[in-house]
Amino acid sequence: LWHISHEGLELEDPANAPNYDHLLVLGTTPEKAPDEGEIVTMTFEKGVPKSVNGKEMKVSDIIRTLNKLGGKHGIGIVDIVEN
C-alpha cells in the first residue's frame, strides 16, 4: 500500500532511459499529469485518518484513494542509481 518500486531488466543498464509508460503502474509522469492541481481535504480522529474529501473510509481505503490521487498528479516518482 505504501510503496512500489521497479528494478531489473532494462533498468540495470544506466545507459538505458526508463520507459515510464511501461513501468508506472500507480501513477504518471509529471509531464502527463493534469495542469491543474486538486484540493484534497482529510479529517483525523486522535491522529488516525478518517475521511478524504468528506467521505469516511477505512485507513486502507484512504491509502488507496491517496495513492490514486497522487499517481494521477505525478507525485512520488524517483529515479535512483545504485552501486
PDB file of N, CA and C in Angstrom:
ATOM      1  N   LEU A   1       0.802  -1.200   0.000  1.00  0.00           N
ATOM      2  CA  LEU A   1       0.000   0.000   0.000  1.00  0.00           C
ATOM      3  C   LEU A   1       0.846   1.265   0.000  1.00  0.00           C
ATOM      4  N   TRP A   2       2.017   1.223   0.638  1.00  0.00           N
ATOM      5  CA  TRP A   2       2.803   2.441   0.830  1.00  0.00           C
ATOM      6  C   TRP A   2       3.800   2.705  -0.278  1.00  0.00           C
ATOM      7  N   HIS A   3       4.208   1.683  -1.005  1.00  0.00           N
ATOM      8  CA  HIS A   3       5.346   1.878  -1.911  1.00  0.00           C
ATOM      9  C   HIS A   3       5.308   0.850  -3.038  1.00  0.00           C
ATOM     10  N   ILE A   4       5.787   1.257  -4.185  1.00  0.00           N
ATOM     11  CA  ILE A   4       6.016   0.326  -5.287  1.00  0.00           C
ATOM     12  C   ILE A   4       7.324   0.738  -5.943  1.00  0.00           C
ATOM     13  N   SER A   5       8.134  -0.253  -6.302  1.00  0.00           N
ATOM     14  CA  SER A   5       9.393   0.069  -6.973  1.00  0.00           C
ATOM     15  C   SER A   5       9.592  -0.889  -8.140  1.00  0.00           C
ATOM     16  N   HIS A   6      10.447  -0.475  -9.044  1.00  0.00           N
ATOM     17  CA  HIS A   6      10.746  -1.261 -10.240  1.00  0.00           C
ATOM     18  C   HIS A   6      12.254  -1.360 -10.368  1.00  0.00           C
ATOM     19  N   GLU A   7      12.748  -2.561 -10.630  1.00  0.00           N
ATOM     20  CA  GLU A   7      14.156  -2.697 -10.958  1.00  0.00           C
ATOM     21  C   GLU A   7      14.341  -3.955 -11.787  1.00  0.00           C
ATOM     22  N   GLY A   8      15.512  -4.035 -12.398  1.00  0.00           N
ATOM     23  CA  GLY A   8      15.815  -5.176 -13.231  1.00  0.00           C
ATOM     24  C   GLY A   8      15.667  -4.864 -14.705  1.00  0.00           C
ATOM     25  N   LEU A   9      15.952  -5.866 -15.508  1.00  0.00           N
ATOM     26  CA  LEU A   9      15.857  -5.780 -16.964  1.00  0.00           C
ATOM     27  C   LEU A   9      16.551  -4.534 -17.500  1.00  0.00           C
ATOM     28  N   GLU A  10      15.843  -3.710 -18.265  1.00  0.00           N
ATOM     29  CA  GLU A  10      16.477  -2.549 -18.899  1.00  0.00           C
ATOM     30  C   GLU A  10      16.969  -1.521 -17.885  1.00  0.00           C
ATOM     31  N   LEU A  11      16.442  -1.545 -16.674  1.00  0.00           N
ATOM     32  CA  LEU A  11      16.869  -0.569 -15.668  1.00  0.00           C
ATOM     33  C   LEU A  11      18.250  -0.882 -15.095  1.00  0.00           C
ATOM     34  N   GLU A  12      18.730  -2.095 -15.291  1.00  0.00           N
ATOM     35  CA  GLU A  12      20.042  -2.461 -14.764  1.00  0.00           C
ATOM     36  C   GLU A  12      21.178  -1.782 -15.516  1.00  0.00           C
ATOM     37  N   ASP A  13      20.945  -1.334 -16.725  1.00  0.00           N
ATOM     38  CA  ASP A  13      21.970  -0.642 -17.514  1.00  0.00           C
ATOM     39  C   ASP A  13      21.690   0.853 -17.465  1.00  0.00           C
ATOM     40  N   PRO A  14      22.579   1.643 -16.812  1.00  0.00           N
ATOM     41  CA  PRO A  14      22.329   3.082 -16.699  1.00  0.00           C
ATOM     42  C   PRO A  14      22.312   3.808 -18.042  1.00  0.00           C
ATOM     43  N   ALA A  15      22.747   3.158 -19.101  1.00  0.00           N
ATOM     44  CA  ALA A  15      22.698   3.782 -20.429  1.00  0.00           C
ATOM     45  C   ALA A  15      21.275   3.810 -20.979  1.00  0.00           C
ATOM     46  N   ASN A  16      20.402   2.999 -20.401  1.00  0.00           N
ATOM     47  CA  ASN A  16      19.014   2.943 -20.865  1.00  0.00           C
ATOM     48  C   ASN A  16      18.152   3.955 -20.112  1.00  0.00           C
ATOM     49  N   ALA A  17      17.394   4.723 -20.845  1.00  0.00           N
ATOM     50  CA  ALA A  17      16.417   5.625 -20.220  1.00  0.00           C
ATOM     51  C   ALA A  17      15.200   4.800 -19.812  1.00  0.00           C
ATOM     52  N   PRO A  18      14.620   5.068 -18.656  1.00  0.00           N
ATOM     53  CA  PRO A  18      13.448   4.296 -18.243  1.00  0.00           C
ATOM     54  C   PRO A  18      12.247   4.552 -19.147  1.00  0.00           C
ATOM     55  N   ASN A  19      11.530   3.497 -19.455  1.00  0.00           N
ATOM     56  CA  ASN A  19      10.300   3.597 -20.240  1.00  0.00           C
ATOM     57  C   ASN A  19       9.136   3.723 -19.257  1.00  0.00           C
ATOM     58  N   TYR A  20       8.832   4.967 -18.879  1.00  0.00           N
ATOM     59  CA  TYR A  20       7.813   5.187 -17.856  1.00  0.00           C
ATOM     60  C   TYR A  20       6.441   4.673 -18.265  1.00  0.00           C
ATOM     61  N   ASP A  21       6.119   4.701 -19.539  1.00  0.00           N
ATOM     62  CA  ASP A  21       4.816   4.192 -19.975  1.00  0.00           C
ATOM     63  C   ASP A  21       4.671   2.713 -19.633  1.00  0.00           C
ATOM     64  N   HIS A  22       5.785   2.002 -19.628  1.00  0.00           N
ATOM     65  CA  HIS A  22       5.795   0.578 -19.311  1.00  0.00           C
ATOM     66  C   HIS A  22       5.905   0.347 -17.796  1.00  0.00           C
ATOM     67  N   LEU A  23       6.658   1.204 -17.110  1.00  0.00           N
ATOM     68  CA  LEU A  23       6.971   0.983 -15.701  1.00  0.00           C
ATOM     69  C   LEU A  23       5.903   1.452 -14.721  1.00  0.00           C
ATOM     70  N   LEU A  24       5.338   2.607 -14.970  1.00  0.00           N
ATOM     71  CA  LEU A  24       4.454   3.212 -13.973  1.00  0.00           C
ATOM     72  C   LEU A  24       3.092   2.525 -13.939  1.00  0.00           C
ATOM     73  N   VAL A  25       2.780   1.963 -12.789  1.00  0.00           N
ATOM     74  CA  VAL A  25       1.524   1.249 -12.597  1.00  0.00           C
ATOM     75  C   VAL A  25       0.533   2.108 -11.809  1.00  0.00           C
ATOM     76  N   LEU A  26       1.035   2.807 -10.799  1.00  0.00           N
ATOM     77  CA  LEU A  26       0.165   3.594  -9.923  1.00  0.00           C
ATOM     78  C   LEU A  26       0.115   5.065 -10.279  1.00  0.00           C
ATOM     79  N   GLY A  27       0.910   5.477 -11.230  1.00  0.00           N
ATOM     80  CA  GLY A  27       0.959   6.914 -11.492  1.00  0.00           C
ATOM     81  C   GLY A  27       1.318   7.248 -12.916  1.00  0.00           C
ATOM     82  N   THR A  28       1.624   8.511 -13.095  1.00  0.00           N
ATOM     83  CA  THR A  28       2.008   9.032 -14.395  1.00  0.00           C
ATOM     84  C   THR A  28       3.157  10.005 -14.201  1.00  0.00           C
ATOM     85  N   THR A  29       3.819  10.342 -15.258  1.00  0.00           N
ATOM     86  CA  THR A  29       4.897  11.321 -15.159  1.00  0.00           C
ATOM     87  C   THR A  29       4.302  12.712 -14.960  1.00  0.00           C
ATOM     88  N   PRO A  30       5.049  13.613 -14.338  1.00  0.00           N
ATOM     89  CA  PRO A  30       4.544  14.983 -14.179  1.00  0.00           C
ATOM     90  C   PRO A  30       4.176  15.632 -15.515  1.00  0.00           C
ATOM     91  N   GLU A  31       4.885  15.281 -16.580  1.00  0.00           N
ATOM     92  CA  GLU A  31       4.585  15.848 -17.898  1.00  0.00           C
ATOM     93  C   GLU A  31       3.205  15.434 -18.403  1.00  0.00           C
ATOM     94  N   LYS A  32       2.745  14.260 -18.008  1.00  0.00           N
ATOM     95  CA  LYS A  32       1.440  13.763 -18.456  1.00  0.00           C
ATOM     96  C   LYS A  32       0.332  14.009 -17.427  1.00  0.00           C
ATOM     97  N   ALA A  33       0.697  14.575 -16.289  1.00  0.00           N
ATOM     98  CA  ALA A  33      -0.285  14.855 -15.234  1.00  0.00           C
ATOM     99  C   ALA A  33      -1.125  16.072 -15.610  1.00  0.00           C
ATOM    100  N   PRO A  34      -2.286  16.225 -14.992  1.00  0.00           N
ATOM    101  CA  PRO A  34      -3.118  17.406 -15.270  1.00  0.00           C
ATOM    102  C   PRO A  34      -2.374  18.702 -14.947  1.00  0.00           C
ATOM    103  N   ASP A  35      -2.653  19.740 -15.707  1.00  0.00           N
ATOM    104  CA  ASP A  35      -2.035  21.044 -15.454  1.00  0.00           C
ATOM    105  C   ASP A  35      -2.574  21.685 -14.178  1.00  0.00           C
ATOM    106  N   GLU A  36      -3.802  21.399 -13.838  1.00  0.00           N
ATOM    107  CA  GLU A  36      -4.425  21.971 -12.643  1.00  0.00           C
ATOM    108  C   GLU A  36      -4.285  21.020 -11.462  1.00  0.00           C
ATOM    109  N   GLY A  37      -3.994  21.586 -10.303  1.00  0.00           N
ATOM    110  CA  GLY A  37      -3.922  20.803  -9.081  1.00  0.00           C
ATOM    111  C   GLY A  37      -5.308  20.413  -8.594  1.00  0.00           C
ATOM    112  N   GLU A  38      -5.336  19.648  -7.531  1.00  0.00           N
ATOM    113  CA  GLU A  38      -6.598  19.178  -6.965  1.00  0.00           C
ATOM    114  C   GLU A  38      -6.538  19.366  -5.454  1.00  0.00           C
ATOM    115  N   ILE A  39      -7.547  19.965  -4.877  1.00  0.00           N
ATOM    116  CA  ILE A  39      -7.585  20.166  -3.432  1.00  0.00           C
ATOM    117  C   ILE A  39      -8.129  18.906  -2.775  1.00  0.00           C
ATOM    118  N   VAL A  40      -7.394  18.423  -1.772  1.00  0.00           N
ATOM    119  CA  VAL A  40      -7.781  17.227  -1.036  1.00  0.00           C
ATOM    120  C   VAL A  40      -7.904  17.608   0.434  1.00  0.00           C
ATOM    121  N   THR A  41      -9.018  17.260   1.046  1.00  0.00           N
ATOM    122  CA  THR A  41      -9.183  17.501   2.480  1.00  0.00           C
ATOM    123  C   THR A  41      -9.268  16.169   3.208  1.00  0.00           C
ATOM    124  N   MET A  42      -8.693  16.155   4.404  1.00  0.00           N
ATOM    125  CA  MET A  42      -8.728  14.946   5.228  1.00  0.00           C
ATOM    126  C   MET A  42      -9.179  15.315   6.630  1.00  0.00           C
ATOM    127  N   THR A  43      -9.836  14.372   7.285  1.00  0.00           N
ATOM    128  CA  THR A  43     -10.149  14.539   8.700  1.00  0.00           C
ATOM    129  C   THR A  43      -9.469  13.421   9.484  1.00  0.00           C
ATOM    130  N   PHE A  44      -9.093  13.766  10.707  1.00  0.00           N
ATOM    131  CA  PHE A  44      -8.404  12.830  11.592  1.00  0.00           C
ATOM    132  C   PHE A  44      -9.128  12.787  12.930  1.00  0.00           C
ATOM    133  N   GLU A  45      -9.044  11.635  13.579  1.00  0.00           N
ATOM    134  CA  GLU A  45      -9.573  11.482  14.932  1.00  0.00           C
ATOM    135  C   GLU A  45      -8.485  10.849  15.783  1.00  0.00           C
ATOM    136  N   LYS A  46      -7.980  11.609  16.753  1.00  0.00           N
ATOM    137  CA  LYS A  46      -6.874  11.155  17.608  1.00  0.00           C
ATOM    138  C   LYS A  46      -5.681  10.731  16.764  1.00  0.00           C
ATOM    139  N   GLY A  47      -5.415  11.460  15.692  1.00  0.00           N
ATOM    140  CA  GLY A  47      -4.266  11.193  14.835  1.00  0.00           C
ATOM    141  C   GLY A  47      -4.483  10.137  13.769  1.00  0.00           C
ATOM    142  N   VAL A  48      -5.631   9.503  13.750  1.00  0.00           N
ATOM    143  CA  VAL A  48      -5.929   8.450  12.773  1.00  0.00           C
ATOM    144  C   VAL A  48      -6.779   9.053  11.658  1.00  0.00           C
ATOM    145  N   PRO A  49      -6.367   8.875  10.393  1.00  0.00           N
ATOM    146  CA  PRO A  49      -7.175   9.424   9.297  1.00  0.00           C
ATOM    147  C   PRO A  49      -8.541   8.752   9.243  1.00  0.00           C
ATOM    148  N   LYS A  50      -9.564   9.581   9.013  1.00  0.00           N
ATOM    149  CA  LYS A  50     -10.941   9.072   8.995  1.00  0.00           C
ATOM    150  C   LYS A  50     -11.652   9.298   7.670  1.00  0.00           C
ATOM    151  N   SER A  51     -11.295  10.381   6.948  1.00  0.00           N
ATOM    152  CA  SER A  51     -12.007  10.644   5.697  1.00  0.00           C
ATOM    153  C   SER A  51     -11.129  11.418   4.724  1.00  0.00           C
ATOM    154  N   VAL A  52     -11.482  11.288   3.458  1.00  0.00           N
ATOM    155  CA  VAL A  52     -10.864  12.059   2.372  1.00  0.00           C
ATOM    156  C   VAL A  52     -11.995  12.733   1.610  1.00  0.00           C
ATOM    157  N   ASN A  53     -11.869  14.037   1.460  1.00  0.00           N
ATOM    158  CA  ASN A  53     -12.875  14.834   0.745  1.00  0.00           C
ATOM    159  C   ASN A  53     -14.292  14.575   1.259  1.00  0.00           C
ATOM    160  N   GLY A  54     -14.407  14.454   2.593  1.00  0.00           N
ATOM    161  CA  GLY A  54     -15.717  14.292   3.216  1.00  0.00           C
ATOM    162  C   GLY A  54     -16.262  12.878   3.223  1.00  0.00           C
ATOM    163  N   LYS A  55     -15.557  11.937   2.617  1.00  0.00           N
ATOM    164  CA  LYS A  55     -16.037  10.554   2.561  1.00  0.00           C
ATOM    165  C   LYS A  55     -15.285   9.713   3.593  1.00  0.00           C
ATOM    166  N   GLU A  56     -16.010   9.212   4.603  1.00  0.00           N
ATOM    167  CA  GLU A  56     -15.386   8.357   5.614  1.00  0.00           C
ATOM    168  C   GLU A  56     -15.075   6.995   5.013  1.00  0.00           C
ATOM    169  N   MET A  57     -13.905   6.472   5.406  1.00  0.00           N
ATOM    170  CA  MET A  57     -13.493   5.159   4.912  1.00  0.00           C
ATOM    171  C   MET A  57     -12.443   4.561   5.831  1.00  0.00           C
ATOM    172  N   LYS A  58     -12.172   3.269   5.643  1.00  0.00           N
ATOM    173  CA  LYS A  58     -11.129   2.586   6.407  1.00  0.00           C
ATOM    174  C   LYS A  58      -9.774   3.172   6.014  1.00  0.00           C
ATOM    175  N   VAL A  59      -8.804   3.045   6.929  1.00  0.00           N
ATOM    176  CA  VAL A  59      -7.469   3.586   6.663  1.00  0.00           C
ATOM    177  C   VAL A  59      -6.884   2.982   5.384  1.00  0.00           C
ATOM    178  N   SER A  60      -7.054   1.690   5.178  1.00  0.00           N
ATOM    179  CA  SER A  60      -6.513   1.065   3.965  1.00  0.00           C
ATOM    180  C   SER A  60      -7.130   1.674   2.707  1.00  0.00           C
ATOM    181  N   ASP A  61      -8.405   2.013   2.758  1.00  0.00           N
ATOM    182  CA  ASP A  61      -9.056   2.650   1.609  1.00  0.00           C
ATOM    183  C   ASP A  61      -8.597   4.097   1.441  1.00  0.00           C
ATOM    184  N   ILE A  62      -8.299   4.760   2.555  1.00  0.00           N
ATOM    185  CA  ILE A  62      -7.747   6.119   2.472  1.00  0.00           C
ATOM    186  C   ILE A  62      -6.402   6.085   1.763  1.00  0.00           C
ATOM    187  N   ILE A  63      -5.561   5.121   2.118  1.00  0.00           N
ATOM    188  CA  ILE A  63      -4.250   4.999   1.472  1.00  0.00           C
ATOM    189  C   ILE A  63      -4.419   4.745  -0.019  1.00  0.00           C
ATOM    190  N   ARG A  64      -5.316   3.844  -0.385  1.00  0.00           N
ATOM    191  CA  ARG A  64      -5.558   3.567  -1.806  1.00  0.00           C
ATOM    192  C   ARG A  64      -6.055   4.817  -2.539  1.00  0.00           C
ATOM    193  N   THR A  65      -6.960   5.549  -1.905  1.00  0.00           N
ATOM    194  CA  THR A  65      -7.501   6.774  -2.510  1.00  0.00           C
ATOM    195  C   THR A  65      -6.403   7.807  -2.721  1.00  0.00           C
ATOM    196  N   LEU A  66      -5.561   8.001  -1.699  1.00  0.00           N
ATOM    197  CA  LEU A  66      -4.477   8.981  -1.816  1.00  0.00           C
ATOM    198  C   LEU A  66      -3.435   8.542  -2.842  1.00  0.00           C
ATOM    199  N   ASN A  67      -3.156   7.234  -2.916  1.00  0.00           N
ATOM    200  CA  ASN A  67      -2.250   6.731  -3.952  1.00  0.00           C
ATOM    201  C   ASN A  67      -2.795   7.041  -5.343  1.00  0.00           C
ATOM    202  N   LYS A  68      -4.082   6.843  -5.518  1.00  0.00           N
ATOM    203  CA  LYS A  68      -4.712   7.108  -6.819  1.00  0.00           C
ATOM    204  C   LYS A  68      -4.649   8.593  -7.165  1.00  0.00           C
ATOM    205  N   LEU A  69      -4.972   9.456  -6.196  1.00  0.00           N
ATOM    206  CA  LEU A  69      -4.918  10.900  -6.434  1.00  0.00           C
ATOM    207  C   LEU A  69      -3.488  11.371  -6.698  1.00  0.00           C
ATOM    208  N   GLY A  70      -2.549  10.900  -5.887  1.00  0.00           N
ATOM    209  CA  GLY A  70      -1.152  11.283  -6.078  1.00  0.00           C
ATOM    210  C   GLY A  70      -0.609  10.784  -7.401  1.00  0.00           C
ATOM    211  N   GLY A  71      -0.928   9.540  -7.746  1.00  0.00           N
ATOM    212  CA  GLY A  71      -0.476   8.985  -9.015  1.00  0.00           C
ATOM    213  C   GLY A  71      -1.004   9.752 -10.204  1.00  0.00           C
ATOM    214  N   LYS A  72      -2.250  10.173 -10.119  1.00  0.00           N
ATOM    215  CA  LYS A  72      -2.873  10.959 -11.192  1.00  0.00           C
ATOM    216  C   LYS A  72      -2.106  12.253 -11.443  1.00  0.00           C
ATOM    217  N   HIS A  73      -1.513  12.803 -10.388  1.00  0.00           N
ATOM    218  CA  HIS A  73      -0.816  14.083 -10.487  1.00  0.00           C
ATOM    219  C   HIS A  73       0.707  13.935 -10.553  1.00  0.00           C
ATOM    220  N   GLY A  74       1.196  12.722 -10.764  1.00  0.00           N
ATOM    221  CA  GLY A  74       2.632  12.513 -10.946  1.00  0.00           C
ATOM    222  C   GLY A  74       3.451  12.671  -9.683  1.00  0.00           C
ATOM    223  N   ILE A  75       2.856  12.431  -8.536  1.00  0.00           N
ATOM    224  CA  ILE A  75       3.562  12.577  -7.260  1.00  0.00           C
ATOM    225  C   ILE A  75       4.260  11.270  -6.906  1.00  0.00           C
ATOM    226  N   GLY A  76       5.505  11.375  -6.449  1.00  0.00           N
ATOM    227  CA  GLY A  76       6.200  10.228  -5.886  1.00  0.00           C
ATOM    228  C   GLY A  76       7.106   9.459  -6.816  1.00  0.00           C
ATOM    229  N   ILE A  77       7.436   9.994  -7.962  1.00  0.00           N
ATOM    230  CA  ILE A  77       8.321   9.294  -8.892  1.00  0.00           C
ATOM    231  C   ILE A  77       9.763   9.697  -8.602  1.00  0.00           C
ATOM    232  N   VAL A  78      10.616   8.707  -8.349  1.00  0.00           N
ATOM    233  CA  VAL A  78      12.014   8.959  -8.019  1.00  0.00           C
ATOM    234  C   VAL A  78      12.878   8.009  -8.839  1.00  0.00           C
ATOM    235  N   ASP A  79      13.961   8.525  -9.401  1.00  0.00           N
ATOM    236  CA  ASP A  79      14.966   7.692 -10.069  1.00  0.00           C
ATOM    237  C   ASP A  79      16.161   7.557  -9.139  1.00  0.00           C
ATOM    238  N   ILE A  80      16.633   6.335  -8.955  1.00  0.00           N
ATOM    239  CA  ILE A  80      17.772   6.071  -8.084  1.00  0.00           C
ATOM    240  C   ILE A  80      18.785   5.242  -8.864  1.00  0.00           C
ATOM    241  N   VAL A  81      20.051   5.614  -8.763  1.00  0.00           N
ATOM    242  CA  VAL A  81      21.133   4.826  -9.358  1.00  0.00           C
ATOM    243  C   VAL A  81      21.845   4.116  -8.219  1.00  0.00           C
ATOM    244  N   GLU A  82      21.889   2.792  -8.285  1.00  0.00           N
ATOM    245  CA  GLU A  82      22.544   2.006  -7.240  1.00  0.00           C
ATOM    246  C   GLU A  82      23.973   1.686  -7.650  1.00  0.00           C
ATOM    247  N   ASN A  83      24.789   1.382  -6.656  1.00  0.00           N
ATOM    248  CA  ASN A  83      26.158   0.964  -6.981  1.00  0.00           C
ATOM    249  C   ASN A  83      26.227  -0.532  -7.118  1.00  0.00           C
TER     250      ASN A  83
END
